[in-house]
């Protein structure tokens, strides 16, 4: 599935089951909340914190998908084609950082 197809699927789901999009500001808040849930799992899985009982039912992939879902909603609401935006962003990073990381002694 392409990002464009994902945006279309989310849009169709919202129109079929969701009644309407939440406001952009509400979705931005939801995105922040979802990133926090993802961060909690990352901190417990890869960081120094231990899992609480309430964390054990959480799934890393599902939390990442929640973040992506809300980002796709925001893109749809604001007219951003994420496929084009990502392509442009990768080109920008390639131009800007072509030698930066290769020459970073901290990464060697």
Protein backbone atom coordinates (compact mmCIF):
# COMPACT_ATOMS: atom_id res chain seq x y z
CA UNK A 1 0.00 0.00 0.00
CA UNK A 2 1.33 3.44 -0.86
CA UNK A 3 0.99 6.39 1.47
CA UNK A 4 -1.50 7.90 -0.95
CA UNK A 5 -3.59 4.72 -0.80
CA UNK A 6 -3.35 4.76 2.99
CA UNK A 7 -4.61 8.35 3.05
CA UNK A 8 -7.52 7.35 0.81
CA UNK A 9 -8.37 4.34 2.99
CA UNK A 10 -8.37 6.44 6.16
CA UNK A 11 -10.55 9.05 4.45
CA UNK A 12 -13.01 6.39 3.32
CA UNK A 13 -13.11 4.87 6.82
CA UNK A 14 -13.78 8.28 8.38
CA UNK A 15 -16.61 8.93 5.91
CA UNK A 16 -18.10 5.46 6.46
CA UNK A 17 -17.67 4.89 10.19
CA UNK A 18 -16.32 8.02 11.79
CA UNK A 19 -19.09 10.46 10.82
CA UNK A 20 -16.50 13.23 10.29
CA UNK A 21 -12.91 14.13 11.09
CA UNK A 22 -12.19 15.55 14.52
CA UNK A 23 -10.91 19.12 14.26
CA UNK A 24 -7.29 19.59 13.28
CA UNK A 25 -6.40 20.80 16.77
CA UNK A 26 -8.12 17.80 18.36
CA UNK A 27 -6.25 15.45 16.02
CA UNK A 28 -2.96 17.20 16.83
CA UNK A 29 -3.64 16.56 20.50
CA UNK A 30 -4.55 12.94 19.78
CA UNK A 31 -1.33 12.55 17.78
CA UNK A 32 0.67 13.83 20.75
CA UNK A 33 -1.16 11.39 23.01
CA UNK A 34 -0.47 8.47 20.65
CA UNK A 35 3.22 9.38 20.40
CA UNK A 36 3.31 9.37 24.20
CA UNK A 37 1.85 5.86 24.27
CA UNK A 38 4.46 4.73 21.75
CA UNK A 39 7.21 6.38 23.80
CA UNK A 40 6.04 4.54 26.91
CA UNK A 41 6.45 1.15 25.21
CA UNK A 42 9.81 2.14 23.72
CA UNK A 43 11.08 3.29 27.12
CA UNK A 44 10.05 0.04 28.74
CA UNK A 45 11.20 -2.24 25.93
CA UNK A 46 14.49 -0.56 24.99
CA UNK A 47 15.13 1.81 27.88
CA UNK A 48 15.70 1.44 31.58
CA UNK A 49 12.11 1.44 32.79
CA UNK A 50 10.30 -1.76 33.68
CA UNK A 51 6.81 -2.65 32.49
CA UNK A 52 3.80 -2.02 34.69
CA UNK A 53 0.91 -4.49 34.59
CA UNK A 54 -1.12 -1.95 32.60
CA UNK A 55 1.64 -1.80 29.94
CA UNK A 56 1.81 -5.53 29.27
CA UNK A 57 -1.19 -5.57 26.92
CA UNK A 58 0.26 -2.81 24.72
CA UNK A 59 1.61 -3.73 21.30
CA UNK A 60 4.46 -1.75 19.70
CA UNK A 61 3.21 -2.22 16.13
CA UNK A 62 -0.32 -1.23 17.07
CA UNK A 63 0.90 1.92 18.80
CA UNK A 64 2.97 2.85 15.73
CA UNK A 65 -0.11 2.29 13.56
CA UNK A 66 -2.13 4.58 15.87
CA UNK A 67 0.45 7.33 15.32
CA UNK A 68 0.36 6.78 11.56
CA UNK A 69 -3.46 6.77 11.52
CA UNK A 70 -3.72 10.20 13.14
CA UNK A 71 -0.93 11.58 10.97
CA UNK A 72 -2.83 10.37 7.89
CA UNK A 73 -5.96 12.09 9.21
CA UNK A 74 -4.08 15.36 9.68
CA UNK A 75 -2.58 15.09 6.21
CA UNK A 76 -6.03 14.57 4.70
CA UNK A 77 -7.47 17.49 6.64
CA UNK A 78 -4.72 19.89 5.65
CA UNK A 79 -4.37 18.82 2.01
CA UNK A 80 -0.91 17.28 2.40
CA UNK A 81 -0.01 14.39 0.11
CA UNK A 82 2.34 12.47 2.41
CA UNK A 83 3.81 10.45 -0.44
CA UNK A 84 4.97 13.62 -2.20
CA UNK A 85 5.99 15.25 1.09
CA UNK A 86 8.12 12.25 2.10
CA UNK A 87 9.78 12.07 -1.32
CA UNK A 88 10.61 15.79 -1.16
CA UNK A 89 11.84 15.45 2.42
CA UNK A 90 14.14 12.55 1.53
CA UNK A 91 15.59 14.52 -1.38
CA UNK A 92 16.20 17.47 0.96
CA UNK A 93 17.92 15.27 3.54
CA UNK A 94 20.04 13.59 0.85
CA UNK A 95 21.26 16.95 -0.47
CA UNK A 96 21.86 18.36 2.99
CA UNK A 97 23.36 15.29 4.67
CA UNK A 98 25.11 13.45 1.83
CA UNK A 99 28.44 13.48 3.69
CA UNK A 100 27.42 14.62 7.15
CA UNK A 101 26.77 11.23 8.76
CA UNK A 102 29.47 9.35 6.89
CA UNK A 103 32.02 11.85 8.20
CA UNK A 104 30.68 11.87 11.76
CA UNK A 105 33.31 10.18 13.92
CA UNK A 106 30.66 9.52 16.57
CA UNK A 107 28.94 7.11 14.17
CA UNK A 108 32.09 5.17 13.25
